Amino acid sequence: MYYLEAFERTVRVHRDDTAIVTDDGRSFTYGEFDRRSTALSNAVTDRVGDAPLAVLALNSPAAAEAMIAGHKRGTPTVQLPFRGKPGELAEMLSTADANALVFDDANADTAVDVLEVSDVDVGFHVGDATVDRDDVVSYDAALEAADAELADDLPADGKTNVFYTSGTTSRPKAVAFDGEQMWVGAYQGVMEHGIDQTDVAIVTTPWYHMVTSDAWLYPHWLAGATTFLHSDFDPEEVLSYVDEYDATGLLAVPTQLSLLNDVQANADDPYDTGSLSYIRTGGSVVTETLVERTSKYLSESLYNTYGMTEGGPNFTFAHPSVQDEHPGTVGKESFSWEVRVVETAPIDEHPDPEAEVDRGEQGEIIARGPGVPDGYIDNPEAEAKTFFGEWLRTRDVAEVDEDGFLYVTDRVDNMFISGGENIYPAEVERTIDGHPLVSESMVFGQDDEEWGNKVTAVVVADQPVSGEELDKFCRMHDSLANYKRPREYVVREDPLPRTDTGTVERETVIAEHFE
């Protein structure tokens, strides 16, 4: 089945029900959503034929309409990160062969710069800001002028969405998916979370991420539920929306969950979050402390999940029922996926799918299932390192416990060798983060003549704490071998910079303190 077929069913059954609510007070029924996405499909195709459409916008109805338009056109909608720089975004447009760009007021300046340096023929501007360019038209005016019936001759090559990887260690890579793959991911979300038409789901993470689209928006639209689009994350506002709209679902990465918990913990009159029946998180390590605080301040119905842009967000699910006995786990395989933890191989070699490690031992995750795409767009070198046979190489380090639950512990790319021993930073970071004055830390290998790579920690603390005190704390923990202890500490007050999915920008931190 294809996602468009499922969406058409939703429109037939829930035409007059609310599909989208925005934080500026607008709302759209499924009938309106369907009509506007059809008009956009026709408006884009009239101007650029079968070329893909790209979008540079905050969470908004236009972004949602563009996603569905990709399915109706059978030509992908390119989901651009609005934090990207003009040159980077222009390269993304070129890689995906996009020839039209939807953008909003919040991204108008960047969009104009992109139009200047790219080969895009037309821009569709959403909003009231003045954009004086001959190649830019009003989004709403274009929709009003477009045919209301879906054209019979719309192009259809099968691809519907193009996502970009986060690019924290290399330039972002483009991944294209078809309507069948998006349908599988959406159906998984409905099944695992138990979503139905009565649900109201808050959308806090940027729409251009795979997890926001295929694991959150698409499942709720499949079920005929209501999605509340929060355009720019603010924890106080999110909690007020949960309270006001009796929201049942919330998607938030771990850093967002921590901020939401902080608001509730410090409030004299906390917001009412009793309506929440499922909170989805993932994207970075979920600690036992985060699970405990979320259960205390928001809801006990926390789902920890695991996936990646290259295959979709639903490799595994850890349901609320397993959190107490297996804190930190990302659960077990979701239906249609096979996940293995195998012996890690060098970057220029493929791991052996049959070389599974023993329970309790660390290895590298590989996965296969219907969500695995053909590869990267126009990046054969990276593709050869990631996709092999039916398998997808994740580069994530993990272990499986005696009960079969999966724990993601680090990235293979973060591992370094110090004194001849493999060091996985996340293990050291977990120990340091247990210090009562430490809010977070980042560990890496600094070039050193004696050690090869010296274990080095950048520590965030609200109050003064010395390297000697931190070293003493690490020595007290038998779980951390002596050779893994940091030999140098840098203490800072500012939080570590992170991507919008919660990943620490390691290269930025290293450059700030050591270059």
Protein backbone atom coordinates (compact mmCIF):
# COMPACT_ATOMS: atom_id res chain seq x y z
CA MET A 1 0.00 0.00 0.00
CA TYR A 2 1.09 3.58 -0.59
CA TYR A 3 0.73 6.44 1.85
CA LEU A 4 -1.39 8.49 -0.56
CA GLU A 5 -3.99 5.71 -0.66
CA ALA A 6 -4.13 5.75 3.13
CA PHE A 7 -4.41 9.55 3.21
CA GLU A 8 -7.26 9.46 0.68
CA ARG A 9 -9.09 7.05 2.96
CA THR A 10 -8.59 9.45 5.88
CA VAL A 11 -10.07 12.31 3.85
CA ARG A 12 -13.11 10.21 2.92
CA VAL A 13 -13.77 9.15 6.51
CA HIS A 14 -12.70 12.30 8.40
CA ARG A 15 -13.28 15.09 5.88
CA ASP A 16 -14.83 17.48 8.40
CA ASP A 17 -12.57 16.57 11.33
CA THR A 18 -9.65 18.78 12.33
CA ALA A 19 -6.33 17.75 10.81
CA ILE A 20 -4.09 20.69 11.73
CA VAL A 21 -4.08 23.37 14.42
CA THR A 22 -1.39 26.06 14.51
CA ASP A 23 0.06 28.04 17.38
CA ASP A 24 -1.24 31.26 15.81
CA GLY A 25 -4.84 30.07 16.13
CA ARG A 26 -5.64 28.65 12.68
CA SER A 27 -7.17 25.25 12.02
CA PHE A 28 -7.75 23.10 8.93
CA THR A 29 -10.04 20.13 8.39
CA TYR A 30 -8.91 17.09 6.45
CA GLY A 31 -11.05 18.27 3.55
CA GLU A 32 -9.27 21.63 3.50
CA PHE A 33 -5.90 19.95 3.92
CA ASP A 34 -6.64 17.72 0.94
CA ARG A 35 -7.87 20.58 -1.24
CA ARG A 36 -4.91 22.82 -0.50
CA SER A 37 -2.33 20.08 -1.09
CA THR A 38 -3.98 19.31 -4.43
CA ALA A 39 -3.86 22.98 -5.42
CA LEU A 40 -0.18 23.13 -4.47
CA SER A 41 0.53 20.01 -6.53
CA ASN A 42 -1.03 21.61 -9.59
CA ALA A 43 0.56 25.03 -8.99
CA VAL A 44 4.05 23.55 -8.75
CA THR A 45 3.68 21.22 -11.72
CA ASP A 46 2.29 24.03 -13.88
CA ARG A 47 5.50 25.99 -13.27
CA VAL A 48 8.30 23.42 -13.10
CA GLY A 49 6.89 20.22 -14.56
CA ASP A 50 8.27 17.08 -12.96
CA ALA A 51 11.01 18.80 -10.94
CA PRO A 52 10.97 18.28 -7.16
CA LEU A 53 9.66 20.96 -4.80
CA ALA A 54 11.79 22.04 -1.83
CA VAL A 55 10.54 23.67 1.37
CA LEU A 56 12.34 26.01 3.78
CA ALA A 57 9.87 26.73 6.57
CA LEU A 58 9.01 26.31 10.22
CA ASN A 59 6.37 23.78 11.26
CA SER A 60 3.35 25.08 9.37
CA PRO A 61 0.36 24.15 7.19
CA ALA A 62 2.43 24.95 4.08
CA ALA A 63 5.08 22.42 5.11
CA ALA A 64 2.36 19.82 5.72
CA GLU A 65 0.68 20.58 2.39
CA ALA A 66 4.01 20.28 0.59
CA MET A 67 4.61 16.83 2.08
CA ILE A 68 1.28 15.53 0.85
CA ALA A 69 1.83 17.27 -2.50
CA GLY A 70 4.95 15.14 -2.94
CA HIS A 71 2.78 12.02 -2.73
CA LYS A 72 0.18 13.43 -5.10
CA ARG A 73 2.80 14.49 -7.65
CA GLY A 74 4.83 11.31 -7.32
CA THR A 75 7.84 13.60 -7.30
CA PRO A 76 9.61 14.19 -4.00
CA THR A 77 9.22 17.11 -1.69
CA VAL A 78 12.70 18.06 -0.49
CA GLN A 79 12.61 18.79 3.24
CA LEU A 80 15.29 21.40 3.95
CA PRO A 81 16.71 22.20 7.41
CA PHE A 82 15.88 25.82 8.15
CA ARG A 83 19.06 26.21 10.18
CA GLY A 84 21.18 25.61 7.08
CA LYS A 85 23.35 28.29 5.46
CA PRO A 86 22.45 29.58 1.95
CA GLY A 87 25.40 27.89 0.24
CA GLU A 88 24.69 24.59 1.96
CA LEU A 89 20.98 24.80 1.12
CA ALA A 90 21.73 25.62 -2.52
CA GLU A 91 23.89 22.49 -2.70
CA MET A 92 21.04 20.45 -1.23
CA LEU A 93 18.65 21.82 -3.85
CA SER A 94 21.09 20.94 -6.61
CA THR A 95 21.64 17.40 -5.30
CA ALA A 96 17.89 16.74 -5.26
CA ASP A 97 17.28 18.53 -8.62
CA ALA A 98 14.67 20.76 -6.97
CA ASN A 99 13.43 23.63 -9.14
CA ALA A 100 10.82 25.25 -6.88
CA LEU A 101 11.07 26.52 -3.30
CA VAL A 102 8.35 27.18 -0.73
CA PHE A 103 9.50 29.46 2.07
CA ASP A 104 7.94 31.44 4.93
CA ASP A 105 8.54 34.84 6.52
CA ALA A 106 10.86 33.39 9.16
CA ASN A 107 13.18 32.11 6.42
CA ALA A 108 12.63 34.78 3.77
CA ASP A 109 16.09 36.36 3.99
CA THR A 110 17.81 32.99 3.72
CA ALA A 111 15.50 31.93 0.89
CA VAL A 112 16.31 35.05 -1.13
CA ASP A 113 20.01 34.33 -0.70
CA VAL A 114 19.41 30.74 -1.83
CA LEU A 115 17.50 31.89 -4.91
CA GLU A 116 20.42 34.15 -5.80
CA VAL A 117 22.96 31.32 -5.87
CA SER A 118 20.84 28.37 -7.05
CA ASP A 119 19.15 27.32 -10.29
CA VAL A 120 15.65 27.32 -8.78
CA ASP A 121 13.11 28.82 -11.19
CA VAL A 122 10.33 29.85 -8.81
CA GLY A 123 9.76 30.61 -5.15
CA PHE A 124 6.40 30.40 -3.34
CA HIS A 125 6.33 32.85 -0.44
CA VAL A 126 4.11 32.13 2.57
CA GLY A 127 3.43 35.22 4.69
CA ASP A 128 3.18 38.99 4.69
CA ALA A 129 6.81 40.08 4.40
CA THR A 130 7.83 42.03 1.31
CA VAL A 131 9.86 39.92 -1.11
CA ASP A 132 10.49 41.91 -4.27
CA ARG A 133 11.64 39.35 -6.82
CA ASP A 134 10.24 38.45 -10.22
CA ASP A 135 10.80 34.75 -9.55
CA VAL A 136 8.74 34.73 -6.33
CA VAL A 137 4.95 34.39 -6.19
CA SER A 138 2.49 34.45 -3.32
CA TYR A 139 1.85 30.96 -1.98
CA ASP A 140 -1.80 31.61 -1.16
CA ALA A 141 -2.44 33.38 -4.48
CA ALA A 142 -0.88 30.48 -6.37
CA LEU A 143 -3.11 28.00 -4.55
CA GLU A 144 -6.22 30.07 -5.19
CA ALA A 145 -5.44 30.25 -8.91
CA ALA A 146 -4.60 26.56 -9.28
CA ASP A 147 -7.01 23.88 -10.45
CA ALA A 148 -8.86 22.36 -7.50
CA GLU A 149 -8.92 18.89 -9.07
CA LEU A 150 -5.77 16.79 -9.16
CA ALA A 151 -4.36 16.82 -12.67
CA ASP A 152 -4.30 13.50 -14.51
CA ASP A 153 -0.88 14.13 -16.02
CA LEU A 154 1.07 14.79 -12.83
CA PRO A 155 4.52 13.17 -12.94
CA ALA A 156 4.94 10.02 -10.90
CA ASP A 157 8.33 8.36 -10.55
CA GLY A 158 7.42 6.87 -7.18
CA LYS A 159 9.65 8.94 -4.89
CA THR A 160 7.76 11.19 -2.49
CA ASN A 161 10.14 12.55 0.15
CA VAL A 162 13.80 13.58 0.27
CA PHE A 163 15.37 13.92 3.72
CA TYR A 164 18.87 15.04 4.61
CA THR A 165 21.04 13.48 7.27
CA SER A 166 22.13 15.77 10.10
CA GLY A 167 25.65 16.23 8.75
CA THR A 168 27.36 16.44 12.16
CA THR A 169 30.46 14.59 10.90
CA SER A 170 30.26 15.23 7.13
CA ARG A 171 28.18 17.14 4.62
CA PRO A 172 24.47 16.24 4.80
CA LYS A 173 23.50 13.29 2.61
CA ALA A 174 20.23 13.13 0.65
CA VAL A 175 17.96 10.10 1.03
CA ALA A 176 14.85 9.54 -1.12
CA PHE A 177 11.85 7.44 -0.08
CA ASP A 178 8.76 6.27 -1.92
CA GLY A 179 5.13 6.20 -0.85
CA GLU A 180 5.21 2.55 0.15
CA GLN A 181 8.13 3.07 2.53
CA MET A 182 6.42 6.09 4.09
CA TRP A 183 3.24 4.06 4.51
CA VAL A 184 5.09 1.31 6.40
CA GLY A 185 6.62 3.82 8.81
CA ALA A 186 3.29 5.55 9.40
CA TYR A 187 1.49 2.28 10.03
CA GLN A 188 4.17 1.25 12.53
CA GLY A 189 3.56 4.48 14.44
CA VAL A 190 -0.19 3.91 14.57
CA MET A 191 0.28 0.36 15.78
CA GLU A 192 3.02 0.95 18.36
CA HIS A 193 1.44 4.05 19.94
CA GLY A 194 -2.18 2.98 19.50
CA ILE A 195 -3.15 6.20 17.68
CA ASP A 196 -6.76 6.82 16.64
CA GLN A 197 -8.96 9.69 15.47
CA THR A 198 -9.56 10.97 19.01
CA ASP A 199 -5.91 11.82 19.59
CA VAL A 200 -4.40 15.31 19.66
CA ALA A 201 -0.64 15.29 19.07
CA ILE A 202 1.77 18.15 19.74
CA VAL A 203 4.52 18.56 17.13
CA THR A 204 7.61 20.20 18.67
CA THR A 205 10.50 18.91 16.55
CA PRO A 206 11.20 20.38 13.08
CA TRP A 207 9.01 18.87 10.38
CA TYR A 208 11.95 18.23 8.05
CA HIS A 209 13.29 15.41 10.23
CA MET A 210 12.33 11.86 9.37
CA VAL A 211 11.06 11.21 12.89
CA THR A 212 8.70 14.22 12.79
CA SER A 213 7.32 13.30 9.39
CA ASP A 214 7.17 9.52 9.20
CA ALA A 215 6.91 8.71 12.90
CA TRP A 216 4.59 11.51 14.02
CA LEU A 217 2.74 13.55 11.40
CA TYR A 218 2.10 10.72 8.94
CA PRO A 219 0.76 8.25 11.55
CA HIS A 220 -1.63 10.81 12.99
CA TRP A 221 -2.91 11.83 9.57
CA LEU A 222 -3.30 8.14 8.74
CA ALA A 223 -5.53 7.71 11.81
CA GLY A 224 -7.53 10.92 11.30
CA ALA A 225 -6.13 12.50 14.48
CA THR A 226 -5.44 16.19 15.13
CA THR A 227 -1.87 17.51 14.88
CA PHE A 228 -0.89 20.72 16.67
CA LEU A 229 2.02 22.41 14.88
CA HIS A 230 4.31 24.26 17.28
CA SER A 231 6.48 26.45 15.07
CA ASP A 232 9.44 27.20 17.35
CA PHE A 233 10.07 25.16 20.49
CA ASP A 234 9.35 26.87 23.79
CA PRO A 235 8.81 24.54 26.78
CA GLU A 236 6.38 26.84 28.57
CA GLU A 237 4.25 27.21 25.44
CA VAL A 238 4.27 23.47 24.74
CA LEU A 239 3.01 22.69 28.23
CA SER A 240 0.32 25.33 27.94
CA TYR A 241 -0.88 23.71 24.67
CA VAL A 242 -0.93 20.26 26.28
CA ASP A 243 -3.05 21.71 29.08
CA GLU A 244 -5.36 23.79 26.86
CA TYR A 245 -5.99 21.19 24.14
CA ASP A 246 -5.93 18.06 26.34
CA ALA A 247 -3.17 16.70 24.12
CA THR A 248 -2.74 12.95 24.20
CA GLY A 249 0.54 12.68 22.26
CA LEU A 250 3.87 14.51 22.53
CA LEU A 251 7.04 14.11 20.48
CA ALA A 252 10.17 15.56 22.09
CA VAL A 253 13.88 14.73 21.91
CA PRO A 254 15.67 14.18 25.26
CA THR A 255 16.95 17.76 25.54
CA GLN A 256 13.41 19.05 25.04
CA LEU A 257 12.05 16.61 27.61
CA SER A 258 14.59 17.87 30.14
CA LEU A 259 13.45 21.45 29.60
CA LEU A 260 9.79 20.48 29.90
CA ASN A 261 10.53 18.63 33.13
CA ASP A 262 12.40 21.66 34.48
CA VAL A 263 9.40 23.94 33.88
CA GLN A 264 7.09 21.55 35.71
CA ALA A 265 9.53 20.99 38.57
CA ASN A 266 10.01 24.71 39.18
CA ALA A 267 6.37 25.77 38.76
CA ASP A 268 4.24 26.75 41.75
CA ASP A 269 1.22 25.64 39.74
CA PRO A 270 2.37 23.02 37.19
CA TYR A 271 0.51 22.57 33.94
CA ASP A 272 -2.00 19.74 33.74
CA THR A 273 -0.43 17.02 31.59
CA GLY A 274 -2.72 14.24 32.73
CA SER A 275 -4.17 13.89 29.23
CA LEU A 276 -0.85 12.64 27.79
CA SER A 277 -1.12 8.93 26.99
CA TYR A 278 2.04 8.59 24.88
CA ILE A 279 5.28 10.58 24.78
CA ARG A 280 7.78 9.61 22.12
CA THR A 281 11.47 10.36 22.44
CA GLY A 282 14.78 9.26 20.90
CA GLY A 283 17.62 10.67 18.84
CA SER A 284 20.14 10.62 21.69
CA VAL A 285 20.74 8.69 24.91
CA VAL A 286 17.74 8.53 27.26
CA THR A 287 19.05 8.26 30.80
CA GLU A 288 17.37 6.57 33.74
CA THR A 289 17.11 10.00 35.40
CA LEU A 290 15.27 11.41 32.38
CA VAL A 291 12.79 8.53 32.44
CA GLU A 292 12.18 9.05 36.17
CA ARG A 293 11.70 12.82 35.87
CA THR A 294 9.44 12.51 32.83
CA SER A 295 7.29 9.96 34.66
CA LYS A 296 7.08 12.30 37.66
CA TYR A 297 6.43 15.61 35.89
CA LEU A 298 4.76 14.75 32.57
CA SER A 299 3.51 11.20 32.11
CA GLU A 300 4.50 7.61 32.81
CA SER A 301 3.72 6.73 29.18
CA LEU A 302 7.19 7.31 27.73
CA TYR A 303 8.28 5.48 24.57
CA ASN A 304 12.00 5.35 23.83
CA THR A 305 12.68 4.62 20.16
CA TYR A 306 15.54 4.04 17.77
CA GLY A 307 15.99 4.65 14.05
CA MET A 308 17.86 6.83 11.59
CA THR A 309 17.26 8.96 8.53
CA GLU A 310 18.66 6.28 6.22
CA GLY A 311 15.99 3.75 7.14
CA GLY A 312 13.26 5.47 9.08
CA PRO A 313 12.64 6.20 12.76
CA ASN A 314 11.01 2.93 13.77
CA PHE A 315 13.69 0.25 14.02
CA THR A 316 12.85 -0.44 17.67
CA PHE A 317 10.37 0.61 20.37
CA ALA A 318 10.66 0.52 24.14
CA HIS A 319 7.13 0.71 25.50
CA PRO A 320 6.38 2.29 28.90
CA SER A 321 5.88 -1.14 30.44
CA VAL A 322 9.58 -2.03 30.08
CA GLN A 323 11.11 1.23 31.35
CA ASP A 324 11.33 0.24 35.04
CA GLU A 325 13.11 -3.08 34.56
CA HIS A 326 15.16 -1.99 31.54
CA PRO A 327 15.95 1.72 31.98
CA GLY A 328 17.62 3.28 28.97
CA THR A 329 16.69 0.55 26.52
CA VAL A 330 15.39 1.40 23.05
CA GLY A 331 13.41 -1.82 23.17
CA LYS A 332 13.09 -4.57 20.61
CA GLU A 333 12.54 -4.70 16.86
CA SER A 334 9.36 -3.18 15.53
CA PHE A 335 7.41 -5.27 13.04
CA SER A 336 8.95 -5.64 9.56
CA TRP A 337 12.48 -4.86 10.85
CA GLU A 338 15.42 -7.12 11.65
CA VAL A 339 18.11 -5.59 13.86
CA ARG A 340 21.40 -7.28 14.70
CA VAL A 341 24.40 -6.31 16.83
CA VAL A 342 27.53 -7.61 15.10
CA GLU A 343 31.27 -7.29 15.38
CA THR A 344 32.42 -3.81 14.36
CA ALA A 345 34.35 -3.59 11.10
CA PRO A 346 36.68 -0.86 9.77
CA ILE A 347 34.92 1.97 7.95
CA ASP A 348 36.12 0.72 4.55
CA GLU A 349 34.82 -2.81 5.16
CA HIS A 350 31.30 -4.12 5.59
CA PRO A 351 30.47 -5.87 8.87
CA ASP A 352 29.59 -9.56 8.70
CA PRO A 353 25.83 -9.99 9.32
CA GLU A 354 26.49 -13.46 10.74
CA ALA A 355 29.08 -12.25 13.29
CA GLU A 356 26.61 -11.41 16.06
CA VAL A 357 28.18 -10.58 19.41
CA ASP A 358 27.19 -12.35 22.63
CA ARG A 359 24.57 -10.91 24.95
CA GLY A 360 26.05 -8.13 27.06
CA GLU A 361 28.89 -7.42 24.64
CA GLN A 362 29.20 -4.30 22.52
CA GLY A 363 29.00 -4.36 18.75
CA GLU A 364 27.61 -2.38 15.85
CA ILE A 365 23.95 -2.25 14.83
CA ILE A 366 22.94 -3.29 11.33
CA ALA A 367 19.33 -3.39 10.17
CA ARG A 368 17.20 -4.49 7.26
CA GLY A 369 13.57 -4.00 6.36
CA PRO A 370 11.21 -2.37 3.85
CA GLY A 371 12.22 1.12 4.98
CA VAL A 372 15.78 0.81 3.67
CA PRO A 373 16.10 3.10 0.61
CA ASP A 374 18.10 2.51 -2.56
CA GLY A 375 20.98 4.59 -1.18
CA TYR A 376 22.07 8.20 -1.13
CA ILE A 377 21.42 10.64 -3.97
CA ASP A 378 24.60 11.43 -5.90
CA ASN A 379 26.97 10.18 -3.19
CA PRO A 380 28.30 6.76 -4.24
CA GLU A 381 31.27 6.82 -1.87
CA ALA A 382 29.14 7.29 1.25
CA GLU A 383 26.52 4.91 -0.13
CA ALA A 384 29.07 2.12 -0.50
CA LYS A 385 30.02 2.49 3.17
CA THR A 386 26.44 2.47 4.48
CA PHE A 387 24.37 0.15 2.31
CA PHE A 388 25.43 -3.43 1.58
CA GLY A 389 23.13 -6.11 0.22
CA GLU A 390 19.87 -5.89 2.13
CA TRP A 391 21.60 -4.36 5.13
CA LEU A 392 22.00 -0.84 6.45
CA ARG A 393 25.09 -0.02 8.48
CA THR A 394 24.15 2.36 11.30
CA ARG A 395 27.60 3.03 12.84
CA ASP A 396 25.89 2.91 16.25
CA VAL A 397 27.47 0.92 19.08
CA ALA A 398 25.05 -1.16 21.14
CA GLU A 399 24.56 -4.24 23.26
CA VAL A 400 21.67 -6.61 23.89
CA ASP A 401 20.85 -7.73 27.44
CA GLU A 402 19.88 -11.22 28.55
CA ASP A 403 16.20 -10.46 27.92
CA GLY A 404 16.82 -9.32 24.36
CA PHE A 405 16.49 -5.57 24.93
CA LEU A 406 18.71 -3.27 22.89
CA TYR A 407 20.83 -0.48 24.39
CA VAL A 408 22.52 2.08 22.15
CA THR A 409 25.72 3.14 23.88
CA ASP A 410 27.69 5.31 21.44
CA ARG A 411 28.72 6.01 17.85
CA VAL A 412 31.48 4.03 16.17
CA ASP A 413 32.69 7.36 14.78
CA ASN A 414 33.16 8.72 18.33
CA MET A 415 35.37 5.83 19.43
CA PHE A 416 39.10 6.54 19.77
CA ILE A 417 42.19 4.62 20.90
CA SER A 418 44.08 5.77 23.99
CA GLY A 419 47.12 3.85 25.16
CA GLY A 420 46.17 0.99 22.85
CA GLU A 421 42.65 0.63 24.28
CA ASN A 422 39.32 1.42 22.63
CA ILE A 423 37.49 4.27 24.39
CA TYR A 424 33.76 4.84 23.85
CA PRO A 425 33.03 8.40 25.05
CA ALA A 426 29.43 7.78 26.11
CA GLU A 427 30.54 5.34 28.81
CA VAL A 428 32.87 7.95 30.33
CA GLU A 429 30.27 10.69 29.93
CA ARG A 430 27.68 8.70 31.87
CA THR A 431 30.06 8.44 34.82
CA ILE A 432 30.95 12.15 34.79
CA ASP A 433 27.30 13.15 34.42
CA GLY A 434 26.59 11.38 37.70
CA HIS A 435 28.48 14.08 39.61
CA PRO A 436 25.94 16.26 41.45
CA LEU A 437 27.36 19.52 40.06
CA VAL A 438 27.57 18.34 36.43
CA SER A 439 24.67 18.85 34.04
CA GLU A 440 26.31 17.32 30.95
CA SER A 441 29.69 16.43 29.47
CA MET A 442 31.45 15.52 26.25
CA VAL A 443 34.48 13.24 26.02
CA PHE A 444 36.87 12.94 23.08
CA GLY A 445 40.43 11.93 22.24
CA GLN A 446 42.91 14.81 22.05
CA ASP A 447 46.13 14.20 20.11
CA ASP A 448 48.90 13.32 22.56
CA GLU A 449 52.44 11.97 22.19
CA GLU A 450 52.20 9.70 25.23
CA TRP A 451 48.67 8.30 24.84
CA GLY A 452 48.11 8.67 21.10
CA ASN A 453 44.76 10.15 22.07
CA LYS A 454 44.40 11.63 25.54
CA VAL A 455 40.98 11.13 27.15
CA THR A 456 39.66 14.68 27.48
CA ALA A 457 36.37 15.90 28.97
CA VAL A 458 34.46 19.14 28.46
CA VAL A 459 32.13 19.49 31.43
CA VAL A 460 29.13 21.77 31.93
CA ALA A 461 28.59 22.78 35.57
CA ASP A 462 26.43 25.48 37.14
CA GLN A 463 28.81 25.82 40.09
CA PRO A 464 32.62 25.78 40.24
CA VAL A 465 34.11 22.29 40.17
CA SER A 466 37.77 21.41 39.68
CA GLY A 467 39.36 18.80 37.47
CA GLU A 468 40.84 17.21 40.59
CA GLU A 469 37.38 16.82 42.11
CA LEU A 470 36.02 15.31 38.90
CA ASP A 471 38.96 12.92 38.67
CA LYS A 472 38.40 11.80 42.26
CA PHE A 473 34.74 11.20 41.44
CA CYS A 474 35.67 9.03 38.45
CA ARG A 475 38.18 7.03 40.52
CA MET A 476 35.38 6.18 42.98
CA HIS A 477 33.43 4.33 40.29
CA ASP A 478 34.55 0.74 39.79
CA SER A 479 32.55 0.58 36.57
CA LEU A 480 35.01 2.97 34.88
CA ALA A 481 38.41 1.41 34.21
CA ASN A 482 41.45 3.51 35.07
CA TYR A 483 42.57 3.85 31.45
CA LYS A 484 39.20 5.40 30.56
CA ARG A 485 39.51 8.27 33.06
CA PRO A 486 39.94 11.73 31.51
CA ARG A 487 43.45 13.11 31.79
CA GLU A 488 42.28 16.66 31.13
CA TYR A 489 39.11 18.55 32.03
CA VAL A 490 37.64 21.81 30.75
CA VAL A 491 34.73 23.20 32.78
CA ARG A 492 32.23 25.61 31.23
CA GLU A 493 28.90 27.17 32.22
CA ASP A 494 27.21 27.33 28.81
CA PRO A 495 25.30 24.24 27.65
CA LEU A 496 26.90 22.16 24.93
CA PRO A 497 25.72 23.14 21.44
CA ARG A 498 23.38 20.58 19.95
CA THR A 499 21.54 19.90 16.74
CA ASP A 500 17.75 20.15 16.84
CA THR A 501 17.58 16.38 17.37
CA GLY A 502 19.73 16.65 20.50
CA THR A 503 23.08 15.47 19.13
CA VAL A 504 26.08 17.30 20.61
CA GLU A 505 27.99 19.25 17.96
CA ARG A 506 31.30 17.69 18.93
CA GLU A 507 33.48 19.46 16.36
CA THR A 508 32.12 22.84 17.46
CA VAL A 509 32.96 22.12 21.12
CA ILE A 510 36.47 20.95 20.25
CA ALA A 511 37.07 24.04 18.11
CA GLU A 512 35.87 26.35 20.90
CA HIS A 513 38.29 24.98 23.49
CA PHE A 514 41.22 23.36 21.70
CA GLU A 515 41.82 25.12 18.38
